[in-house]
């Protein structure tokens, strides 16, 4: 009988956008990296890891400036206008986002983490394309599937 692997211990990872304007660190293992099939994630190619607020440490811009909206990053919202994507105004890289279905968490672009060999990570596919969307009349349509809700 095989022994289950030990739980991942928290590790500190530093992340940056391409030009270094966005800098952050996280204190978290990388146990649940996801690749989403929604329209923006497919185009962006990001690999996402959700982490609690307490494990996300913005360096530049600072955490206080993210909360009051003077962060100097491009904030992009689409569809339901709830999720907030934070994009570097210099190089155009998404560093992190506030997902629409996860109060108290940040979704980190794992590809921005220094020293992480993404090809060695176990990546779970999620189906964001099946989440509810805003219809032509502004109403919410569709029934998201369980895996989609986790994205």
N, C-alpha and C. Protein backbone atom coordinates (compact mmCIF):
# COMPACT_ATOMS: atom_id res chain seq x y z
N UNK A 1 0.85 -1.17 0.00
CA UNK A 1 0.00 0.00 0.00
C UNK A 1 0.90 1.23 0.00
N UNK A 2 0.59 2.19 -0.86
CA UNK A 2 1.44 3.38 -0.95
C UNK A 2 1.03 4.41 0.09
N UNK A 3 1.99 5.18 0.51
CA UNK A 3 1.75 6.25 1.47
C UNK A 3 1.43 7.52 0.71
N UNK A 4 0.39 8.25 1.13
CA UNK A 4 0.09 9.50 0.42
C UNK A 4 1.24 10.49 0.58
N UNK A 5 1.43 11.35 -0.42
CA UNK A 5 2.52 12.32 -0.31
C UNK A 5 2.25 13.29 0.83
N UNK A 6 3.32 13.80 1.46
CA UNK A 6 3.11 14.77 2.54
C UNK A 6 2.50 16.05 1.97
N UNK A 7 1.73 16.77 2.79
CA UNK A 7 1.16 18.01 2.30
C UNK A 7 2.27 18.99 1.93
N UNK A 8 2.01 19.79 0.91
CA UNK A 8 3.00 20.79 0.50
C UNK A 8 3.15 21.82 1.59
N UNK A 9 4.40 22.16 1.91
CA UNK A 9 4.59 23.21 2.90
C UNK A 9 4.66 24.56 2.20
N UNK A 10 4.23 25.59 2.93
CA UNK A 10 4.27 26.92 2.33
C UNK A 10 5.69 27.29 1.93
N UNK A 11 5.80 27.90 0.79
CA UNK A 11 7.07 28.38 0.28
C UNK A 11 6.87 29.84 -0.09
N UNK A 12 7.94 30.62 -0.04
CA UNK A 12 7.84 32.00 -0.48
C UNK A 12 8.35 32.08 -1.91
N UNK A 13 7.53 32.65 -2.77
CA UNK A 13 7.88 32.86 -4.17
C UNK A 13 7.77 34.35 -4.46
N UNK A 14 8.70 34.86 -5.25
CA UNK A 14 8.64 36.25 -5.70
C UNK A 14 8.18 36.26 -7.13
N UNK A 15 7.33 37.23 -7.46
CA UNK A 15 6.83 37.34 -8.82
C UNK A 15 6.99 38.75 -9.36
N UNK A 16 7.15 38.84 -10.67
CA UNK A 16 7.23 40.13 -11.34
C UNK A 16 6.57 40.03 -12.70
N UNK A 17 6.19 41.19 -13.22
CA UNK A 17 5.80 41.23 -14.63
C UNK A 17 7.10 41.22 -15.44
N UNK A 18 7.02 41.35 -16.74
CA UNK A 18 8.21 41.27 -17.58
C UNK A 18 9.20 42.41 -17.30
N UNK A 19 8.70 43.62 -17.11
CA UNK A 19 9.59 44.78 -16.93
C UNK A 19 9.93 45.05 -15.47
N UNK A 20 9.25 44.41 -14.52
CA UNK A 20 9.53 44.60 -13.10
C UNK A 20 8.69 45.67 -12.42
N UNK A 21 7.80 46.33 -13.16
CA UNK A 21 6.94 47.36 -12.56
C UNK A 21 6.02 46.74 -11.49
N UNK A 22 5.50 45.55 -11.76
CA UNK A 22 4.70 44.80 -10.78
C UNK A 22 5.66 43.85 -10.07
N UNK A 23 5.67 43.91 -8.74
CA UNK A 23 6.47 42.98 -7.94
C UNK A 23 5.62 42.54 -6.77
N UNK A 24 5.68 41.24 -6.46
CA UNK A 24 4.89 40.71 -5.35
C UNK A 24 5.56 39.44 -4.85
N UNK A 25 5.14 39.01 -3.68
CA UNK A 25 5.56 37.70 -3.19
C UNK A 25 4.33 36.98 -2.67
N UNK A 26 4.42 35.67 -2.66
CA UNK A 26 3.36 34.84 -2.10
C UNK A 26 4.01 33.85 -1.14
N UNK A 27 3.28 33.49 -0.12
CA UNK A 27 3.71 32.45 0.80
C UNK A 27 2.70 31.33 0.67
N UNK A 28 3.04 30.38 -0.19
CA UNK A 28 2.07 29.33 -0.51
C UNK A 28 2.75 28.22 -1.27
N UNK A 29 2.31 26.99 -1.05
CA UNK A 29 2.74 25.93 -1.96
C UNK A 29 1.99 26.14 -3.28
N UNK A 30 2.30 25.38 -4.27
CA UNK A 30 1.60 25.49 -5.56
C UNK A 30 0.88 24.18 -5.85
N UNK A 31 -0.13 23.84 -5.01
CA UNK A 31 -0.77 22.53 -5.15
C UNK A 31 -1.90 22.49 -6.17
N UNK A 32 -2.42 23.64 -6.57
CA UNK A 32 -3.62 23.63 -7.41
C UNK A 32 -3.53 24.68 -8.51
N UNK A 33 -2.56 24.50 -9.38
CA UNK A 33 -2.39 25.40 -10.51
C UNK A 33 -3.40 25.00 -11.58
N UNK A 34 -4.08 26.00 -12.13
CA UNK A 34 -5.12 25.70 -13.11
C UNK A 34 -4.87 26.42 -14.43
N UNK A 35 -5.34 25.79 -15.48
CA UNK A 35 -5.40 26.36 -16.81
C UNK A 35 -6.88 26.44 -17.16
N UNK A 36 -7.34 27.64 -17.46
CA UNK A 36 -8.76 27.87 -17.71
C UNK A 36 -9.02 27.99 -19.21
N UNK A 37 -10.19 27.56 -19.64
CA UNK A 37 -10.53 27.62 -21.07
C UNK A 37 -11.48 28.77 -21.41
N UNK A 38 -11.62 29.76 -20.52
CA UNK A 38 -12.49 30.89 -20.87
C UNK A 38 -11.82 31.74 -21.95
N UNK A 39 -12.58 32.63 -22.56
CA UNK A 39 -12.08 33.38 -23.71
C UNK A 39 -10.84 34.20 -23.41
N UNK A 40 -10.75 34.80 -22.23
CA UNK A 40 -9.57 35.62 -21.95
C UNK A 40 -8.37 34.78 -21.53
N UNK A 41 -8.60 33.74 -20.74
CA UNK A 41 -7.47 32.90 -20.29
C UNK A 41 -6.83 32.16 -21.46
N UNK A 42 -7.63 31.72 -22.41
CA UNK A 42 -7.10 31.04 -23.59
C UNK A 42 -6.16 31.97 -24.33
N UNK A 43 -6.56 33.22 -24.50
CA UNK A 43 -5.74 34.19 -25.22
C UNK A 43 -4.51 34.60 -24.42
N UNK A 44 -4.66 34.68 -23.11
CA UNK A 44 -3.60 35.16 -22.23
C UNK A 44 -2.55 34.08 -21.96
N UNK A 45 -2.98 32.83 -21.83
CA UNK A 45 -2.05 31.74 -21.56
C UNK A 45 -1.55 31.67 -20.13
N UNK A 46 -2.21 32.35 -19.21
CA UNK A 46 -1.79 32.35 -17.82
C UNK A 46 -2.11 31.01 -17.15
N UNK A 47 -1.28 30.64 -16.20
CA UNK A 47 -1.56 29.53 -15.30
C UNK A 47 -1.85 30.17 -13.95
N UNK A 48 -2.96 29.80 -13.34
CA UNK A 48 -3.44 30.52 -12.16
C UNK A 48 -3.39 29.65 -10.91
N UNK A 49 -2.97 30.26 -9.81
CA UNK A 49 -3.02 29.65 -8.48
C UNK A 49 -3.76 30.63 -7.59
N UNK A 50 -4.82 30.17 -6.96
CA UNK A 50 -5.54 31.02 -6.01
C UNK A 50 -4.89 30.90 -4.64
N UNK A 51 -4.76 32.04 -3.98
CA UNK A 51 -4.19 32.05 -2.63
C UNK A 51 -5.00 33.02 -1.77
N UNK A 52 -5.05 32.77 -0.46
CA UNK A 52 -5.78 33.68 0.43
C UNK A 52 -5.09 35.04 0.51
N UNK A 53 -5.87 36.06 0.83
CA UNK A 53 -5.33 37.41 0.99
C UNK A 53 -4.08 37.44 1.85
N UNK A 54 -4.09 36.70 2.95
CA UNK A 54 -2.98 36.72 3.90
C UNK A 54 -1.67 36.22 3.31
N UNK A 55 -1.74 35.44 2.23
CA UNK A 55 -0.53 34.88 1.62
C UNK A 55 -0.03 35.68 0.42
N UNK A 56 -0.71 36.78 0.09
CA UNK A 56 -0.34 37.63 -1.05
C UNK A 56 0.27 38.92 -0.52
N UNK A 57 1.48 39.24 -0.98
CA UNK A 57 2.21 40.40 -0.47
C UNK A 57 2.68 41.28 -1.63
N UNK A 58 1.86 42.27 -2.02
CA UNK A 58 2.29 43.18 -3.09
C UNK A 58 3.49 44.00 -2.62
N UNK A 59 4.47 44.14 -3.47
CA UNK A 59 5.64 44.97 -3.16
C UNK A 59 5.49 46.30 -3.90
N UNK A 60 5.33 46.24 -5.21
CA UNK A 60 5.00 47.43 -6.00
C UNK A 60 3.94 47.04 -7.01
N UNK A 61 2.86 47.74 -7.11
CA UNK A 61 2.39 48.76 -6.18
C UNK A 61 2.06 48.15 -4.82
N UNK A 62 1.92 48.98 -3.82
CA UNK A 62 1.69 48.50 -2.46
C UNK A 62 0.25 48.01 -2.27
N UNK A 63 0.05 47.23 -1.22
CA UNK A 63 -1.28 46.70 -0.91
C UNK A 63 -2.28 47.82 -0.68
N UNK A 64 -1.87 48.87 0.04
CA UNK A 64 -2.78 49.98 0.33
C UNK A 64 -3.23 50.65 -0.96
N UNK A 65 -2.32 50.80 -1.91
CA UNK A 65 -2.71 51.47 -3.16
C UNK A 65 -3.62 50.59 -4.00
N UNK A 66 -3.51 49.26 -3.86
CA UNK A 66 -4.44 48.38 -4.58
C UNK A 66 -5.85 48.55 -4.03
N UNK A 67 -5.96 48.73 -2.73
CA UNK A 67 -7.28 48.86 -2.11
C UNK A 67 -7.94 50.19 -2.43
N UNK A 68 -7.16 51.28 -2.52
CA UNK A 68 -7.80 52.58 -2.76
C UNK A 68 -7.86 52.97 -4.23
N UNK A 69 -7.38 52.09 -5.10
CA UNK A 69 -7.54 52.31 -6.53
C UNK A 69 -6.49 53.19 -7.17
N UNK A 70 -5.47 53.62 -6.45
CA UNK A 70 -4.43 54.47 -7.02
C UNK A 70 -3.17 53.68 -7.33
N UNK A 71 -3.37 52.48 -7.77
CA UNK A 71 -2.27 51.54 -7.93
C UNK A 71 -1.42 51.74 -9.18
N UNK A 72 -1.86 52.52 -10.14
CA UNK A 72 -1.07 52.76 -11.34
C UNK A 72 -1.04 51.58 -12.30
N UNK A 73 -1.81 50.56 -12.04
CA UNK A 73 -1.91 49.43 -12.96
C UNK A 73 -3.16 49.59 -13.82
N UNK A 74 -3.21 48.88 -14.91
CA UNK A 74 -4.44 48.85 -15.70
C UNK A 74 -5.36 47.84 -15.03
N UNK A 75 -6.56 48.27 -14.70
CA UNK A 75 -7.56 47.35 -14.14
C UNK A 75 -8.53 47.02 -15.27
N UNK A 76 -8.60 45.75 -15.62
CA UNK A 76 -9.46 45.34 -16.71
C UNK A 76 -10.60 44.50 -16.16
N UNK A 77 -11.82 44.87 -16.54
CA UNK A 77 -13.02 44.10 -16.17
C UNK A 77 -13.77 43.79 -17.44
N UNK A 78 -14.44 42.67 -17.47
CA UNK A 78 -15.21 42.28 -18.65
C UNK A 78 -16.38 41.42 -18.22
N UNK A 79 -17.28 41.16 -19.14
CA UNK A 79 -18.43 40.28 -18.94
C UNK A 79 -19.26 40.72 -17.74
N UNK A 80 -19.16 40.05 -16.60
CA UNK A 80 -19.98 40.41 -15.44
C UNK A 80 -19.45 41.64 -14.71
N UNK A 81 -18.26 42.10 -15.06
CA UNK A 81 -17.62 43.28 -14.48
C UNK A 81 -17.29 43.11 -12.99
N UNK A 82 -17.17 41.89 -12.52
CA UNK A 82 -16.88 41.63 -11.12
C UNK A 82 -15.39 41.33 -10.92
N UNK A 83 -14.85 40.42 -11.70
CA UNK A 83 -13.42 40.09 -11.59
C UNK A 83 -12.60 41.31 -12.00
N UNK A 84 -11.46 41.49 -11.33
CA UNK A 84 -10.57 42.61 -11.65
C UNK A 84 -9.20 42.05 -12.01
N UNK A 85 -8.79 42.29 -13.24
CA UNK A 85 -7.47 41.87 -13.70
C UNK A 85 -6.53 43.06 -13.57
N UNK A 86 -5.35 42.83 -12.98
CA UNK A 86 -4.37 43.90 -12.81
C UNK A 86 -3.22 43.65 -13.78
N UNK A 87 -3.06 44.60 -14.71
CA UNK A 87 -2.13 44.46 -15.82
C UNK A 87 -1.11 45.58 -15.75
N UNK A 88 0.14 45.26 -16.03
CA UNK A 88 1.20 46.26 -16.03
C UNK A 88 0.98 47.24 -17.18
N UNK A 89 1.02 48.56 -16.89
CA UNK A 89 0.83 49.54 -17.95
C UNK A 89 2.06 49.69 -18.84
N UNK A 90 3.18 49.12 -18.43
CA UNK A 90 4.42 49.24 -19.21
C UNK A 90 4.57 48.07 -20.17
N UNK A 91 4.50 46.83 -19.65
CA UNK A 91 4.78 45.65 -20.49
C UNK A 91 3.53 44.84 -20.85
N UNK A 92 2.39 45.12 -20.21
CA UNK A 92 1.14 44.46 -20.57
C UNK A 92 0.91 43.09 -19.97
N UNK A 93 1.71 42.69 -19.00
CA UNK A 93 1.58 41.36 -18.38
C UNK A 93 0.57 41.40 -17.23
N UNK A 94 -0.28 40.37 -17.17
CA UNK A 94 -1.18 40.18 -16.03
C UNK A 94 -0.37 39.55 -14.91
N UNK A 95 -0.27 40.24 -13.78
CA UNK A 95 0.43 39.68 -12.63
C UNK A 95 -0.49 38.89 -11.73
N UNK A 96 -1.68 39.45 -11.50
CA UNK A 96 -2.65 38.83 -10.60
C UNK A 96 -4.02 39.42 -10.86
N UNK A 97 -5.01 38.80 -10.24
CA UNK A 97 -6.39 39.25 -10.42
C UNK A 97 -7.21 38.93 -9.18
N UNK A 98 -8.31 39.65 -9.04
CA UNK A 98 -9.32 39.31 -8.04
C UNK A 98 -10.41 38.57 -8.81
N UNK A 99 -10.55 37.26 -8.59
CA UNK A 99 -11.55 36.50 -9.35
C UNK A 99 -12.96 36.86 -8.91
N UNK A 100 -13.91 36.61 -9.79
CA UNK A 100 -15.30 36.96 -9.48
C UNK A 100 -15.93 36.01 -8.48
N UNK A 101 -15.42 34.81 -8.35
CA UNK A 101 -16.04 33.83 -7.47
C UNK A 101 -15.16 33.51 -6.26
N UNK A 102 -14.45 34.48 -5.75
CA UNK A 102 -13.56 34.15 -4.66
C UNK A 102 -13.22 35.34 -3.78
N UNK A 103 -14.14 35.76 -2.93
CA UNK A 103 -13.86 36.83 -2.01
C UNK A 103 -12.76 36.40 -1.06
N UNK A 104 -11.82 37.29 -0.81
CA UNK A 104 -10.74 36.97 0.12
C UNK A 104 -9.59 36.20 -0.50
N UNK A 105 -9.58 36.09 -1.82
CA UNK A 105 -8.47 35.40 -2.48
C UNK A 105 -7.94 36.24 -3.64
N UNK A 106 -6.72 35.96 -3.99
CA UNK A 106 -6.10 36.50 -5.20
C UNK A 106 -5.81 35.34 -6.12
N UNK A 107 -5.89 35.58 -7.40
CA UNK A 107 -5.50 34.59 -8.41
C UNK A 107 -4.19 35.08 -9.01
N UNK A 108 -3.14 34.33 -8.78
CA UNK A 108 -1.78 34.72 -9.18
C UNK A 108 -1.43 34.06 -10.50
N UNK A 109 -0.80 34.81 -11.39
CA UNK A 109 -0.28 34.24 -12.62
C UNK A 109 1.03 33.53 -12.30
N UNK A 110 0.99 32.22 -12.22
CA UNK A 110 2.15 31.41 -11.82
C UNK A 110 3.32 31.62 -12.78
N UNK A 111 3.04 31.96 -14.02
CA UNK A 111 4.11 32.21 -15.00
C UNK A 111 4.95 33.43 -14.63
N UNK A 112 4.47 34.27 -13.71
CA UNK A 112 5.23 35.44 -13.25
C UNK A 112 6.15 35.12 -12.08
N UNK A 113 6.04 33.93 -11.51
CA UNK A 113 6.85 33.59 -10.34
C UNK A 113 8.27 33.20 -10.76
N UNK A 114 9.24 33.79 -10.10
CA UNK A 114 10.64 33.53 -10.42
C UNK A 114 11.06 32.15 -9.93
N UNK A 115 11.79 31.44 -10.77
CA UNK A 115 12.35 30.15 -10.38
C UNK A 115 11.39 28.98 -10.38
N UNK A 116 10.14 29.19 -10.78
CA UNK A 116 9.17 28.10 -10.81
C UNK A 116 9.20 27.48 -12.21
N UNK A 117 9.46 26.20 -12.26
CA UNK A 117 9.49 25.49 -13.54
C UNK A 117 8.07 25.01 -13.83
N UNK A 118 7.34 25.81 -14.59
CA UNK A 118 5.92 25.53 -14.81
C UNK A 118 5.70 24.19 -15.51
N UNK A 119 6.64 23.76 -16.32
CA UNK A 119 6.46 22.48 -17.02
C UNK A 119 6.51 21.30 -16.06
N UNK A 120 6.99 21.51 -14.84
CA UNK A 120 7.05 20.43 -13.85
C UNK A 120 5.85 20.45 -12.90
N UNK A 121 4.98 21.45 -13.02
CA UNK A 121 3.81 21.54 -12.14
C UNK A 121 2.68 20.68 -12.67
N UNK A 122 1.89 20.16 -11.76
CA UNK A 122 0.67 19.47 -12.16
C UNK A 122 -0.39 20.55 -12.37
N UNK A 123 -0.92 20.62 -13.57
CA UNK A 123 -1.89 21.66 -13.92
C UNK A 123 -3.25 21.03 -14.15
N UNK A 124 -4.25 21.56 -13.45
CA UNK A 124 -5.62 21.06 -13.58
C UNK A 124 -6.38 21.98 -14.53
N UNK A 125 -7.11 21.40 -15.43
CA UNK A 125 -7.90 22.18 -16.37
C UNK A 125 -9.26 22.51 -15.76
N UNK A 126 -9.66 23.77 -15.88
CA UNK A 126 -10.99 24.19 -15.44
C UNK A 126 -11.74 24.78 -16.63
N UNK A 127 -13.04 24.81 -16.53
CA UNK A 127 -13.89 25.16 -17.66
C UNK A 127 -14.62 26.47 -17.41
N UNK A 128 -13.87 27.56 -17.37
CA UNK A 128 -14.44 28.89 -17.19
C UNK A 128 -15.38 29.27 -18.31
N UNK A 129 -15.22 28.65 -19.47
CA UNK A 129 -16.12 28.94 -20.60
C UNK A 129 -17.55 28.52 -20.29
N UNK A 130 -17.74 27.70 -19.26
CA UNK A 130 -19.07 27.23 -18.91
C UNK A 130 -19.69 28.01 -17.75
N UNK A 131 -18.99 29.04 -17.27
CA UNK A 131 -19.57 29.88 -16.21
C UNK A 131 -20.68 30.73 -16.78
N UNK A 132 -21.54 31.20 -15.92
CA UNK A 132 -22.60 32.11 -16.34
C UNK A 132 -21.98 33.36 -16.97
N UNK A 133 -22.65 33.88 -17.98
CA UNK A 133 -22.17 35.08 -18.66
C UNK A 133 -23.29 36.10 -18.71
N UNK A 134 -22.93 37.33 -19.04
CA UNK A 134 -23.92 38.38 -19.20
C UNK A 134 -24.45 38.30 -20.61
N UNK A 135 -25.77 38.17 -20.74
CA UNK A 135 -26.39 38.06 -22.06
C UNK A 135 -26.54 39.41 -22.73
N UNK A 136 -27.08 39.40 -23.92
CA UNK A 136 -27.25 40.61 -24.72
C UNK A 136 -28.08 41.66 -23.99
N UNK A 137 -29.09 41.24 -23.27
CA UNK A 137 -29.97 42.16 -22.56
C UNK A 137 -29.42 42.54 -21.19
N UNK A 138 -28.21 42.08 -20.85
CA UNK A 138 -27.62 42.40 -19.57
C UNK A 138 -27.95 41.40 -18.48
N UNK A 139 -28.76 40.39 -18.78
CA UNK A 139 -29.09 39.38 -17.79
C UNK A 139 -28.02 38.31 -17.72
N UNK A 140 -27.99 37.58 -16.64
CA UNK A 140 -27.02 36.50 -16.49
C UNK A 140 -27.59 35.24 -17.10
N UNK A 141 -26.79 34.55 -17.90
CA UNK A 141 -27.24 33.34 -18.57
C UNK A 141 -26.31 32.19 -18.25
N UNK A 142 -26.77 30.98 -18.48
CA UNK A 142 -25.91 29.80 -18.35
C UNK A 142 -25.85 29.26 -16.95
N UNK A 143 -25.54 28.01 -16.85
CA UNK A 143 -25.36 27.34 -15.57
C UNK A 143 -23.93 26.85 -15.53
N UNK A 144 -23.10 27.41 -14.67
CA UNK A 144 -21.71 26.98 -14.57
C UNK A 144 -21.62 25.60 -13.98
N UNK A 145 -20.68 24.82 -14.44
CA UNK A 145 -20.47 23.49 -13.89
C UNK A 145 -19.55 23.59 -12.68
N UNK A 146 -19.50 22.55 -11.88
CA UNK A 146 -18.73 22.57 -10.64
C UNK A 146 -17.28 22.95 -10.88
N UNK A 147 -16.64 22.35 -11.86
CA UNK A 147 -15.24 22.67 -12.14
C UNK A 147 -15.09 24.12 -12.57
N UNK A 148 -16.06 24.64 -13.31
CA UNK A 148 -15.99 26.03 -13.76
C UNK A 148 -16.07 26.96 -12.56
N UNK A 149 -16.86 26.62 -11.58
CA UNK A 149 -17.02 27.47 -10.41
C UNK A 149 -15.74 27.59 -9.61
N UNK A 150 -14.85 26.63 -9.74
CA UNK A 150 -13.59 26.67 -9.00
C UNK A 150 -12.54 27.53 -9.69
N UNK A 151 -12.81 27.94 -10.92
CA UNK A 151 -11.80 28.71 -11.66
C UNK A 151 -11.75 30.15 -11.26
